[in-house]
């Protein structure tokens, strides 16, 4: 079983991840998750570095594909918690932001979200503009810490970015895909966000 250490919930990002996950798997699912993680629940506080352990436990409980699916949906759900709790301080719910032209709103919002995530995860997160896409780059990813995989594992981040893009673009869907991952031995986790919505 995966051990979760004792100060995860003290991080705002950890709290948001757990809230988003509970919205997807419910209280009973969370009790199973806590039991598998040898974690006593909300009264105990897992460390930020244990975000990867939580995702790993989801994969143990639901199988690799199912666990990553839950993690993707938890990421999508988590964006709503971020918006509710931090939208005003990040400027995302302010009228000036909402009135920006679509491309500027997406570019500015991605940069804001990356800065916020970087601050909370104590990692270097940046957004690079390339032709027809954006690249979200994480040089230190709490979801990958200590993990080794033959495929990308940061589905939580992919889901979070998917939900941000749909929200910021008024419901339009953008292709979001992790193309490189620290867990695969790469130098950074890289998520590619297409610059045009799917038709």
N, C-alpha and C. Protein backbone atom coordinates (compact mmCIF):
# COMPACT_ATOMS: atom_id res chain seq x y z
N UNK A 1 0.83 -1.19 0.00
CA UNK A 1 0.00 0.00 0.00
C UNK A 1 0.88 1.25 0.00
N UNK A 2 0.33 2.35 -0.51
CA UNK A 2 1.05 3.61 -0.58
C UNK A 2 0.84 4.39 0.70
N UNK A 3 1.92 4.86 1.28
CA UNK A 3 1.83 5.68 2.49
C UNK A 3 1.72 7.15 2.12
N UNK A 4 0.81 7.83 2.75
CA UNK A 4 0.67 9.27 2.57
C UNK A 4 1.16 9.93 3.85
N UNK A 5 2.10 10.86 3.76
CA UNK A 5 2.67 11.48 4.95
C UNK A 5 1.70 12.49 5.56
N UNK A 6 2.13 13.13 6.63
CA UNK A 6 1.16 13.80 7.48
C UNK A 6 1.01 15.31 7.32
N UNK A 7 1.36 15.94 6.20
CA UNK A 7 1.02 17.36 6.10
C UNK A 7 0.53 17.82 4.73
N UNK A 8 -0.12 16.95 4.00
CA UNK A 8 -0.67 17.24 2.66
C UNK A 8 -1.78 18.30 2.70
N UNK A 9 -2.74 18.13 3.59
CA UNK A 9 -3.91 18.99 3.62
C UNK A 9 -3.57 20.41 4.01
N UNK A 10 -2.36 20.62 4.57
CA UNK A 10 -1.95 21.96 4.94
C UNK A 10 -1.72 22.80 3.69
N UNK A 11 -1.49 22.14 2.57
CA UNK A 11 -1.33 22.88 1.33
C UNK A 11 -2.71 23.13 0.72
N UNK A 12 -2.90 24.33 0.21
CA UNK A 12 -4.17 24.65 -0.44
C UNK A 12 -4.40 23.76 -1.65
N UNK A 13 -3.34 23.45 -2.36
CA UNK A 13 -3.46 22.60 -3.54
C UNK A 13 -3.91 21.20 -3.15
N UNK A 14 -3.37 20.68 -2.05
CA UNK A 14 -3.78 19.37 -1.56
C UNK A 14 -5.25 19.35 -1.18
N UNK A 15 -5.72 20.40 -0.51
CA UNK A 15 -7.12 20.49 -0.13
C UNK A 15 -8.02 20.50 -1.36
N UNK A 16 -7.60 21.25 -2.37
CA UNK A 16 -8.40 21.34 -3.60
C UNK A 16 -8.42 20.01 -4.32
N UNK A 17 -7.27 19.32 -4.36
CA UNK A 17 -7.23 18.01 -5.01
C UNK A 17 -8.17 17.02 -4.33
N UNK A 18 -8.15 17.00 -2.99
CA UNK A 18 -9.03 16.09 -2.26
C UNK A 18 -10.50 16.45 -2.46
N UNK A 19 -10.83 17.74 -2.47
CA UNK A 19 -12.22 18.16 -2.68
C UNK A 19 -12.69 17.76 -4.08
N UNK A 20 -11.84 17.98 -5.08
CA UNK A 20 -12.20 17.60 -6.45
C UNK A 20 -12.37 16.10 -6.60
N UNK A 21 -11.50 15.33 -5.93
CA UNK A 21 -11.59 13.87 -5.99
C UNK A 21 -12.85 13.37 -5.30
N UNK A 22 -13.17 13.97 -4.15
CA UNK A 22 -14.39 13.54 -3.44
C UNK A 22 -15.64 13.82 -4.26
N UNK A 23 -15.63 14.90 -5.01
CA UNK A 23 -16.79 15.20 -5.86
C UNK A 23 -17.01 14.10 -6.90
N UNK A 24 -15.94 13.46 -7.33
CA UNK A 24 -16.05 12.42 -8.35
C UNK A 24 -16.36 11.05 -7.75
N UNK A 25 -15.68 10.66 -6.66
CA UNK A 25 -15.86 9.29 -6.14
C UNK A 25 -16.72 9.21 -4.89
N UNK A 26 -17.13 10.35 -4.36
CA UNK A 26 -18.02 10.37 -3.20
C UNK A 26 -17.31 10.05 -1.89
N UNK A 27 -18.08 10.13 -0.80
CA UNK A 27 -17.51 9.91 0.53
C UNK A 27 -17.05 8.47 0.74
N UNK A 28 -17.82 7.52 0.23
CA UNK A 28 -17.44 6.12 0.38
C UNK A 28 -16.16 5.83 -0.38
N UNK A 29 -16.06 6.36 -1.58
CA UNK A 29 -14.84 6.20 -2.37
C UNK A 29 -13.65 6.83 -1.68
N UNK A 30 -13.87 7.98 -1.06
CA UNK A 30 -12.78 8.64 -0.33
C UNK A 30 -12.34 7.82 0.87
N UNK A 31 -13.30 7.20 1.56
CA UNK A 31 -12.94 6.35 2.70
C UNK A 31 -12.06 5.19 2.24
N UNK A 32 -12.40 4.61 1.08
CA UNK A 32 -11.57 3.54 0.51
C UNK A 32 -10.19 4.07 0.14
N UNK A 33 -10.17 5.24 -0.47
CA UNK A 33 -8.90 5.88 -0.84
C UNK A 33 -8.04 6.10 0.40
N UNK A 34 -8.62 6.65 1.46
CA UNK A 34 -7.88 6.91 2.69
C UNK A 34 -7.34 5.60 3.29
N UNK A 35 -8.18 4.56 3.26
CA UNK A 35 -7.75 3.28 3.81
C UNK A 35 -6.57 2.71 3.03
N UNK A 36 -6.66 2.74 1.69
CA UNK A 36 -5.57 2.24 0.85
C UNK A 36 -4.29 3.06 1.03
N UNK A 37 -4.48 4.36 1.27
CA UNK A 37 -3.32 5.25 1.43
C UNK A 37 -2.79 5.25 2.86
N UNK A 38 -3.46 4.47 3.74
CA UNK A 38 -3.10 4.46 5.16
C UNK A 38 -3.11 5.88 5.70
N UNK A 39 -4.21 6.56 5.40
CA UNK A 39 -4.39 7.98 5.72
C UNK A 39 -5.70 8.11 6.45
N UNK A 40 -5.73 8.79 7.59
CA UNK A 40 -6.92 8.79 8.43
C UNK A 40 -8.01 9.76 7.96
N UNK A 41 -7.78 10.51 6.91
CA UNK A 41 -8.81 11.39 6.37
C UNK A 41 -8.57 12.83 6.69
N UNK A 42 -9.62 13.66 6.58
CA UNK A 42 -9.46 15.11 6.71
C UNK A 42 -8.80 15.59 7.99
N UNK A 43 -8.88 14.80 9.08
CA UNK A 43 -8.23 15.25 10.32
C UNK A 43 -6.71 15.12 10.23
N UNK A 44 -6.24 14.27 9.33
CA UNK A 44 -4.80 14.14 9.09
C UNK A 44 -4.47 14.99 7.87
N UNK A 45 -3.23 15.39 7.72
CA UNK A 45 -2.89 16.29 6.63
C UNK A 45 -1.76 15.75 5.78
N UNK A 46 -2.07 15.17 4.56
CA UNK A 46 -0.98 14.68 3.74
C UNK A 46 -0.17 15.81 3.11
N UNK A 47 1.12 15.59 2.85
CA UNK A 47 2.00 16.63 2.32
C UNK A 47 1.79 16.85 0.83
N UNK A 48 2.16 18.03 0.37
CA UNK A 48 2.03 18.36 -1.04
C UNK A 48 2.74 17.34 -1.92
N UNK A 49 3.88 16.86 -1.46
CA UNK A 49 4.64 15.87 -2.23
C UNK A 49 3.87 14.56 -2.37
N UNK A 50 2.79 14.39 -1.61
CA UNK A 50 2.01 13.16 -1.69
C UNK A 50 0.88 13.22 -2.72
N UNK A 51 0.80 14.31 -3.50
CA UNK A 51 -0.23 14.36 -4.54
C UNK A 51 -0.06 13.18 -5.50
N UNK A 52 1.17 12.84 -5.82
CA UNK A 52 1.43 11.69 -6.68
C UNK A 52 0.99 10.39 -6.02
N UNK A 53 1.16 10.31 -4.69
CA UNK A 53 0.73 9.11 -3.97
C UNK A 53 -0.78 8.96 -4.02
N UNK A 54 -1.50 10.08 -3.90
CA UNK A 54 -2.96 10.02 -3.98
C UNK A 54 -3.36 9.50 -5.35
N UNK A 55 -2.73 10.02 -6.41
CA UNK A 55 -3.05 9.56 -7.76
C UNK A 55 -2.69 8.08 -7.92
N UNK A 56 -1.57 7.66 -7.34
CA UNK A 56 -1.16 6.26 -7.42
C UNK A 56 -2.17 5.36 -6.72
N UNK A 57 -2.69 5.80 -5.59
CA UNK A 57 -3.70 5.02 -4.87
C UNK A 57 -4.97 4.92 -5.71
N UNK A 58 -5.34 5.99 -6.42
CA UNK A 58 -6.49 5.92 -7.33
C UNK A 58 -6.27 4.84 -8.38
N UNK A 59 -5.04 4.75 -8.89
CA UNK A 59 -4.72 3.73 -9.90
C UNK A 59 -4.75 2.33 -9.30
N UNK A 60 -4.35 2.21 -8.02
CA UNK A 60 -4.44 0.91 -7.34
C UNK A 60 -5.90 0.51 -7.14
N UNK A 61 -6.73 1.47 -6.78
CA UNK A 61 -8.13 1.19 -6.47
C UNK A 61 -8.97 0.93 -7.72
N UNK A 62 -8.72 1.69 -8.80
CA UNK A 62 -9.56 1.62 -9.99
C UNK A 62 -8.85 1.04 -11.21
N UNK A 63 -7.60 0.60 -11.05
CA UNK A 63 -6.81 0.16 -12.18
C UNK A 63 -6.15 1.37 -12.82
N UNK A 64 -5.05 1.17 -13.58
CA UNK A 64 -4.33 2.32 -14.14
C UNK A 64 -5.20 3.24 -14.99
N UNK A 65 -5.96 2.67 -15.91
CA UNK A 65 -6.79 3.51 -16.78
C UNK A 65 -7.92 4.17 -16.00
N UNK A 66 -8.59 3.41 -15.16
CA UNK A 66 -9.69 3.96 -14.36
C UNK A 66 -9.22 5.03 -13.38
N UNK A 67 -8.07 4.77 -12.73
CA UNK A 67 -7.52 5.74 -11.78
C UNK A 67 -7.15 7.04 -12.45
N UNK A 68 -6.58 6.95 -13.64
CA UNK A 68 -6.23 8.17 -14.37
C UNK A 68 -7.48 8.89 -14.86
N UNK A 69 -8.52 8.12 -15.18
CA UNK A 69 -9.79 8.73 -15.55
C UNK A 69 -10.40 9.51 -14.39
N UNK A 70 -10.36 8.91 -13.19
CA UNK A 70 -10.86 9.60 -11.99
C UNK A 70 -10.03 10.85 -11.74
N UNK A 71 -8.71 10.72 -11.89
CA UNK A 71 -7.82 11.85 -11.67
C UNK A 71 -8.11 12.99 -12.66
N UNK A 72 -8.37 12.65 -13.92
CA UNK A 72 -8.72 13.65 -14.94
C UNK A 72 -9.99 14.40 -14.53
N UNK A 73 -11.02 13.65 -14.14
CA UNK A 73 -12.29 14.26 -13.72
C UNK A 73 -12.11 15.08 -12.44
N UNK A 74 -11.26 14.61 -11.53
CA UNK A 74 -10.98 15.35 -10.30
C UNK A 74 -10.30 16.67 -10.62
N UNK A 75 -9.41 16.66 -11.60
CA UNK A 75 -8.77 17.91 -12.04
C UNK A 75 -9.80 18.89 -12.59
N UNK A 76 -10.72 18.39 -13.39
CA UNK A 76 -11.78 19.25 -13.94
C UNK A 76 -12.63 19.83 -12.81
N UNK A 77 -13.00 18.97 -11.89
CA UNK A 77 -13.81 19.41 -10.76
C UNK A 77 -13.05 20.42 -9.89
N UNK A 78 -11.76 20.20 -9.73
CA UNK A 78 -10.94 21.08 -8.88
C UNK A 78 -10.88 22.51 -9.40
N UNK A 79 -10.94 22.68 -10.72
CA UNK A 79 -10.88 24.05 -11.24
C UNK A 79 -12.01 24.89 -10.68
N UNK A 80 -13.18 24.29 -10.52
CA UNK A 80 -14.32 25.05 -9.97
C UNK A 80 -14.04 25.50 -8.53
N UNK A 81 -13.33 24.67 -7.76
CA UNK A 81 -12.95 25.06 -6.39
C UNK A 81 -11.94 26.20 -6.43
N UNK A 82 -11.00 26.12 -7.35
CA UNK A 82 -10.01 27.21 -7.51
C UNK A 82 -10.73 28.50 -7.84
N UNK A 83 -11.66 28.43 -8.77
CA UNK A 83 -12.39 29.62 -9.20
C UNK A 83 -13.20 30.21 -8.05
N UNK A 84 -13.86 29.34 -7.30
CA UNK A 84 -14.68 29.79 -6.18
C UNK A 84 -13.84 30.44 -5.09
N UNK A 85 -12.70 29.80 -4.75
CA UNK A 85 -11.91 30.27 -3.62
C UNK A 85 -10.91 31.36 -3.99
N UNK A 86 -10.37 31.31 -5.21
CA UNK A 86 -9.27 32.21 -5.57
C UNK A 86 -9.53 33.03 -6.84
N UNK A 87 -10.69 32.87 -7.45
CA UNK A 87 -10.98 33.56 -8.70
C UNK A 87 -10.82 35.07 -8.61
N UNK A 88 -11.32 35.66 -7.54
CA UNK A 88 -11.24 37.11 -7.38
C UNK A 88 -9.79 37.56 -7.18
N UNK A 89 -9.08 36.88 -6.27
CA UNK A 89 -7.69 37.31 -6.00
C UNK A 89 -6.78 37.08 -7.21
N UNK A 90 -7.10 36.08 -8.04
CA UNK A 90 -6.32 35.84 -9.25
C UNK A 90 -6.75 36.74 -10.40
N UNK A 91 -7.87 37.42 -10.23
CA UNK A 91 -8.37 38.31 -11.27
C UNK A 91 -9.22 37.61 -12.32
N UNK A 92 -9.47 36.31 -12.14
CA UNK A 92 -10.20 35.55 -13.16
C UNK A 92 -11.69 35.85 -13.20
N UNK A 93 -12.24 36.31 -12.08
CA UNK A 93 -13.68 36.58 -12.05
C UNK A 93 -13.99 38.07 -12.19
N UNK A 94 -12.96 38.86 -12.36
CA UNK A 94 -13.18 40.30 -12.51
C UNK A 94 -13.68 40.62 -13.92
N UNK A 95 -14.48 41.67 -14.01
CA UNK A 95 -15.08 42.06 -15.28
C UNK A 95 -14.02 42.38 -16.33
N UNK A 96 -12.94 43.04 -15.93
CA UNK A 96 -11.88 43.39 -16.88
C UNK A 96 -11.31 42.15 -17.55
N UNK A 97 -11.16 41.06 -16.80
CA UNK A 97 -10.65 39.82 -17.39
C UNK A 97 -11.70 39.21 -18.31
N UNK A 98 -12.94 39.16 -17.86
CA UNK A 98 -14.01 38.53 -18.64
C UNK A 98 -14.26 39.25 -19.96
N UNK A 99 -13.93 40.55 -20.02
CA UNK A 99 -14.16 41.33 -21.24
C UNK A 99 -12.99 41.30 -22.21
N UNK A 100 -11.90 40.63 -21.85
CA UNK A 100 -10.77 40.52 -22.78
C UNK A 100 -11.20 39.74 -24.02
N UNK A 101 -10.59 40.02 -25.18
CA UNK A 101 -10.85 39.19 -26.35
C UNK A 101 -10.47 37.74 -26.06
N UNK A 102 -11.15 36.79 -26.68
CA UNK A 102 -10.95 35.36 -26.41
C UNK A 102 -9.50 34.92 -26.33
N UNK A 103 -8.69 35.14 -27.37
CA UNK A 103 -7.30 34.67 -27.31
C UNK A 103 -6.50 35.29 -26.16
N UNK A 104 -6.74 36.57 -25.89
CA UNK A 104 -6.03 37.24 -24.78
C UNK A 104 -6.48 36.69 -23.44
N UNK A 105 -7.79 36.39 -23.34
CA UNK A 105 -8.32 35.83 -22.10
C UNK A 105 -7.70 34.46 -21.82
N UNK A 106 -7.57 33.63 -22.85
CA UNK A 106 -6.98 32.30 -22.67
C UNK A 106 -5.50 32.40 -22.31
N UNK A 107 -4.75 33.22 -23.05
CA UNK A 107 -3.32 33.37 -22.80
C UNK A 107 -3.06 33.92 -21.40
N UNK A 108 -3.75 34.99 -21.04
CA UNK A 108 -3.58 35.61 -19.73
C UNK A 108 -3.99 34.67 -18.60
N UNK A 109 -5.12 33.98 -18.79
CA UNK A 109 -5.61 33.05 -17.77
C UNK A 109 -4.69 31.87 -17.56
N UNK A 110 -4.13 31.33 -18.64
CA UNK A 110 -3.18 30.22 -18.51
C UNK A 110 -1.95 30.66 -17.72
N UNK A 111 -1.45 31.86 -18.04
CA UNK A 111 -0.27 32.39 -17.33
C UNK A 111 -0.58 32.60 -15.85
N UNK A 112 -1.76 33.12 -15.55
CA UNK A 112 -2.18 33.33 -14.16
C UNK A 112 -2.29 32.01 -13.41
N UNK A 113 -2.93 31.02 -14.04
CA UNK A 113 -3.10 29.71 -13.43
C UNK A 113 -1.75 29.04 -13.21
N UNK A 114 -0.85 29.17 -14.18
CA UNK A 114 0.50 28.58 -14.04
C UNK A 114 1.25 29.23 -12.88
N UNK A 115 1.15 30.55 -12.75
CA UNK A 115 1.82 31.24 -11.65
C UNK A 115 1.27 30.80 -10.30
N UNK A 116 -0.05 30.68 -10.21
CA UNK A 116 -0.69 30.23 -8.97
C UNK A 116 -0.26 28.81 -8.63
N UNK A 117 -0.29 27.93 -9.63
CA UNK A 117 0.10 26.54 -9.42
C UNK A 117 1.57 26.45 -9.02
N UNK A 118 2.41 27.24 -9.65
CA UNK A 118 3.84 27.26 -9.34
C UNK A 118 4.08 27.67 -7.90
N UNK A 119 3.37 28.71 -7.44
CA UNK A 119 3.51 29.16 -6.06
C UNK A 119 3.11 28.08 -5.06
N UNK A 120 1.99 27.41 -5.33
CA UNK A 120 1.49 26.42 -4.38
C UNK A 120 2.25 25.11 -4.42
N UNK A 121 2.80 24.77 -5.58
CA UNK A 121 3.50 23.48 -5.70
C UNK A 121 5.00 23.62 -5.51
N UNK A 122 5.45 24.83 -5.22
CA UNK A 122 6.87 25.10 -5.01
C UNK A 122 7.70 24.60 -6.20
N UNK A 123 7.13 24.77 -7.38
CA UNK A 123 7.81 24.31 -8.58
C UNK A 123 7.82 25.39 -9.63
N UNK A 124 8.55 25.14 -10.68
CA UNK A 124 8.64 26.10 -11.76
C UNK A 124 7.63 25.72 -12.84
N UNK A 125 6.57 26.50 -12.96
CA UNK A 125 5.54 26.26 -13.97
C UNK A 125 5.50 27.48 -14.87
N UNK A 126 5.55 27.25 -16.16
CA UNK A 126 5.49 28.36 -17.11
C UNK A 126 4.61 27.97 -18.29
N UNK A 127 4.19 28.98 -19.04
CA UNK A 127 3.40 28.75 -20.25
C UNK A 127 4.14 29.40 -21.41
N UNK A 128 4.38 28.61 -22.43
CA UNK A 128 5.08 29.09 -23.63
C UNK A 128 4.10 29.09 -24.80
N UNK A 129 4.14 30.16 -25.58
CA UNK A 129 3.30 30.24 -26.77
C UNK A 129 4.11 29.73 -27.95
N UNK A 130 3.56 28.74 -28.66
CA UNK A 130 4.17 28.24 -29.89
C UNK A 130 3.12 28.35 -30.99
N UNK A 131 3.48 28.17 -32.25
CA UNK A 131 2.47 28.27 -33.30
C UNK A 131 1.29 27.32 -33.06
N UNK A 132 0.11 27.88 -33.02
CA UNK A 132 -1.15 27.13 -32.88
C UNK A 132 -1.33 26.37 -31.56
N UNK A 133 -0.55 26.73 -30.55
CA UNK A 133 -0.69 26.01 -29.27
C UNK A 133 0.01 26.76 -28.15
N UNK A 134 -0.27 26.30 -26.92
CA UNK A 134 0.46 26.73 -25.73
C UNK A 134 1.09 25.48 -25.12
N UNK A 135 2.23 25.66 -24.48
CA UNK A 135 2.87 24.57 -23.76
C UNK A 135 2.95 24.93 -22.28
N UNK A 136 2.32 24.15 -21.45
CA UNK A 136 2.37 24.29 -19.98
C UNK A 136 3.52 23.41 -19.53
N UNK A 137 4.56 24.00 -18.95
CA UNK A 137 5.77 23.27 -18.58
C UNK A 137 5.96 23.30 -17.07
N UNK A 138 6.10 22.11 -16.47
CA UNK A 138 6.35 21.98 -15.04
C UNK A 138 7.70 21.30 -14.85
N UNK A 139 8.64 22.01 -14.26
CA UNK A 139 9.96 21.43 -14.03
C UNK A 139 10.03 20.66 -12.73
N UNK A 140 9.08 20.89 -11.86
CA UNK A 140 8.96 20.11 -10.62
C UNK A 140 7.48 19.87 -10.42
N UNK A 141 7.08 18.62 -10.54
CA UNK A 141 5.65 18.29 -10.54
C UNK A 141 5.31 17.42 -9.34
N UNK A 142 4.40 17.86 -8.47
CA UNK A 142 4.06 17.06 -7.29
C UNK A 142 3.38 15.74 -7.63
N UNK A 143 2.81 15.63 -8.84
CA UNK A 143 2.14 14.39 -9.22
C UNK A 143 3.13 13.31 -9.66
N UNK A 144 4.34 13.71 -10.04
CA UNK A 144 5.34 12.78 -10.57
C UNK A 144 6.42 12.40 -9.57
N UNK A 145 6.50 13.13 -8.48
CA UNK A 145 7.59 12.96 -7.54
C UNK A 145 7.79 11.49 -7.16
N UNK A 146 8.94 10.95 -7.51
CA UNK A 146 9.26 9.57 -7.17
C UNK A 146 8.59 8.52 -8.03
N UNK A 147 7.86 8.93 -9.06
CA UNK A 147 7.16 7.97 -9.90
C UNK A 147 7.97 7.64 -11.15
N UNK A 148 7.79 6.43 -11.66
CA UNK A 148 8.42 6.00 -12.90
C UNK A 148 7.34 5.35 -13.75
N UNK A 149 7.23 5.77 -15.00
CA UNK A 149 6.17 5.27 -15.87
C UNK A 149 6.64 5.29 -17.31
N UNK A 150 5.99 4.49 -18.13
CA UNK A 150 6.28 4.49 -19.56
C UNK A 150 5.36 5.43 -20.32
N UNK A 151 4.42 6.05 -19.61
CA UNK A 151 3.50 7.01 -20.23
C UNK A 151 3.24 8.16 -19.27
N UNK A 152 2.76 9.30 -19.79
CA UNK A 152 2.50 10.45 -18.91
C UNK A 152 1.46 10.11 -17.84
N UNK A 153 1.65 10.67 -16.64
CA UNK A 153 0.76 10.35 -15.52
C UNK A 153 0.03 11.57 -14.92
N UNK A 154 0.25 12.75 -15.47
CA UNK A 154 -0.29 13.97 -14.85
C UNK A 154 -1.71 14.29 -15.34
N UNK A 155 -2.58 13.31 -15.26
CA UNK A 155 -3.94 13.50 -15.78
C UNK A 155 -4.72 14.52 -14.95
N UNK A 156 -4.39 14.67 -13.68
CA UNK A 156 -5.06 15.67 -12.84
C UNK A 156 -4.85 17.06 -13.43
N UNK A 157 -3.62 17.38 -13.81
CA UNK A 157 -3.29 18.69 -14.39
C UNK A 157 -3.98 18.86 -15.73
N UNK A 158 -4.01 17.80 -16.53
CA UNK A 158 -4.70 17.86 -17.83
C UNK A 158 -6.17 18.21 -17.62
N UNK A 159 -6.81 17.56 -16.66
CA UNK A 159 -8.22 17.84 -16.38
C UNK A 159 -8.45 19.27 -15.91
N UNK A 160 -7.56 19.74 -15.04
CA UNK A 160 -7.66 21.11 -14.53
C UNK A 160 -7.57 22.12 -15.68
N UNK A 161 -6.61 21.90 -16.59
CA UNK A 161 -6.44 22.82 -17.73
C UNK A 161 -7.62 22.70 -18.69
N UNK A 162 -8.12 21.49 -18.92
CA UNK A 162 -9.29 21.31 -19.78
C UNK A 162 -10.47 22.15 -19.27
N UNK A 163 -10.71 22.08 -17.98
CA UNK A 163 -11.85 22.80 -17.41
C UNK A 163 -11.64 24.30 -17.47
N UNK A 164 -10.41 24.76 -17.20
CA UNK A 164 -10.13 26.19 -17.33
C UNK A 164 -10.42 26.66 -18.76
N UNK A 165 -9.92 25.91 -19.75
CA UNK A 165 -10.09 26.31 -21.15
C UNK A 165 -11.57 26.39 -21.51
N UNK A 166 -12.35 25.39 -21.12
CA UNK A 166 -13.78 25.39 -21.43
C UNK A 166 -14.47 26.57 -20.75
N UNK A 167 -14.10 26.84 -19.50
CA UNK A 167 -14.71 27.96 -18.77
C UNK A 167 -14.34 29.30 -19.41
N UNK A 168 -13.05 29.50 -19.68
CA UNK A 168 -12.58 30.78 -20.22
C UNK A 168 -13.06 31.01 -21.65
N UNK A 169 -13.32 29.93 -22.38
CA UNK A 169 -13.74 30.06 -23.78
C UNK A 169 -15.24 29.93 -23.95
N UNK A 170 -15.99 30.03 -22.87
CA UNK A 170 -17.44 30.01 -22.96
C UNK A 170 -18.00 28.67 -23.42
N UNK A 171 -17.37 27.56 -22.99
CA UNK A 171 -17.89 26.23 -23.30
C UNK A 171 -17.21 25.54 -24.48
N UNK A 172 -16.34 26.23 -25.18
CA UNK A 172 -15.63 25.58 -26.29
C UNK A 172 -14.62 24.59 -25.73
N UNK A 173 -14.43 23.49 -26.46
CA UNK A 173 -13.55 22.42 -26.01
C UNK A 173 -12.23 22.49 -26.76
N UNK A 174 -11.13 22.45 -26.01
CA UNK A 174 -9.79 22.48 -26.58
C UNK A 174 -9.08 21.16 -26.30
N UNK A 175 -8.30 20.69 -27.26
CA UNK A 175 -7.49 19.49 -27.07
C UNK A 175 -6.36 19.81 -26.09
N UNK A 176 -6.29 19.06 -24.99
CA UNK A 176 -5.26 19.22 -23.97
C UNK A 176 -4.63 17.86 -23.75
N UNK A 177 -3.32 17.76 -23.94
CA UNK A 177 -2.65 16.46 -23.87
C UNK A 177 -1.26 16.61 -23.27
N UNK A 178 -0.95 15.74 -22.31
CA UNK A 178 0.42 15.72 -21.78
C UNK A 178 1.32 15.00 -22.79
N UNK A 179 2.35 15.68 -23.25
CA UNK A 179 3.23 15.12 -24.28
C UNK A 179 4.59 14.69 -23.73
N UNK A 180 4.91 15.09 -22.53
CA UNK A 180 6.18 14.69 -21.90
C UNK A 180 5.96 14.69 -20.39
N UNK A 181 6.70 13.84 -19.68
CA UNK A 181 6.44 13.68 -18.25
C UNK A 181 7.72 13.35 -17.50
N UNK A 182 7.91 13.97 -16.36
CA UNK A 182 9.05 13.67 -15.50
C UNK A 182 9.09 12.20 -15.11
N UNK A 183 7.91 11.60 -14.93
CA UNK A 183 7.85 10.19 -14.55
C UNK A 183 8.43 9.28 -15.62
N UNK A 184 8.53 9.78 -16.86
CA UNK A 184 9.10 9.02 -17.97
C UNK A 184 10.59 9.29 -18.12
N UNK A 185 11.15 10.09 -17.21
CA UNK A 185 12.57 10.42 -17.28
C UNK A 185 12.85 11.70 -18.05
N UNK A 186 11.81 12.44 -18.42
CA UNK A 186 11.98 13.70 -19.14
C UNK A 186 12.43 14.80 -18.18
N UNK A 187 12.84 15.92 -18.74
CA UNK A 187 13.32 17.04 -17.93
C UNK A 187 12.17 17.87 -17.35
N UNK A 188 10.98 17.71 -17.91
CA UNK A 188 9.82 18.47 -17.43
C UNK A 188 8.55 17.76 -17.86
N UNK A 189 7.46 18.06 -17.16
CA UNK A 189 6.14 17.64 -17.62
C UNK A 189 5.65 18.73 -18.56
N UNK A 190 5.23 18.35 -19.74
CA UNK A 190 4.77 19.33 -20.72
C UNK A 190 3.37 18.95 -21.18
N UNK A 191 2.45 19.90 -21.03
CA UNK A 191 1.08 19.72 -21.48
C UNK A 191 0.86 20.65 -22.65
N UNK A 192 0.42 20.10 -23.78
CA UNK A 192 0.17 20.89 -24.98
C UNK A 192 -1.31 21.20 -25.07
N UNK A 193 -1.62 22.48 -25.25
CA UNK A 193 -2.99 22.96 -25.37
C UNK A 193 -3.17 23.53 -26.76
N UNK A 194 -4.01 22.92 -27.58
CA UNK A 194 -4.23 23.42 -28.93
C UNK A 194 -4.77 24.85 -28.87
N UNK A 195 -4.35 25.66 -29.83
CA UNK A 195 -4.76 27.06 -29.87
C UNK A 195 -6.14 27.27 -30.46
N UNK A 196 -6.70 26.22 -31.06
CA UNK A 196 -8.05 26.33 -31.65
C UNK A 196 -8.95 25.29 -31.06
N UNK A 197 -10.21 25.65 -30.83
CA UNK A 197 -11.13 24.67 -30.23
C UNK A 197 -11.49 23.57 -31.23
N UNK A 198 -11.92 22.44 -30.68
CA UNK A 198 -12.42 21.35 -31.53
C UNK A 198 -13.76 21.76 -32.11
N UNK A 199 -14.04 21.32 -33.31
CA UNK A 199 -15.35 21.63 -33.93
C UNK A 199 -16.37 20.57 -33.60
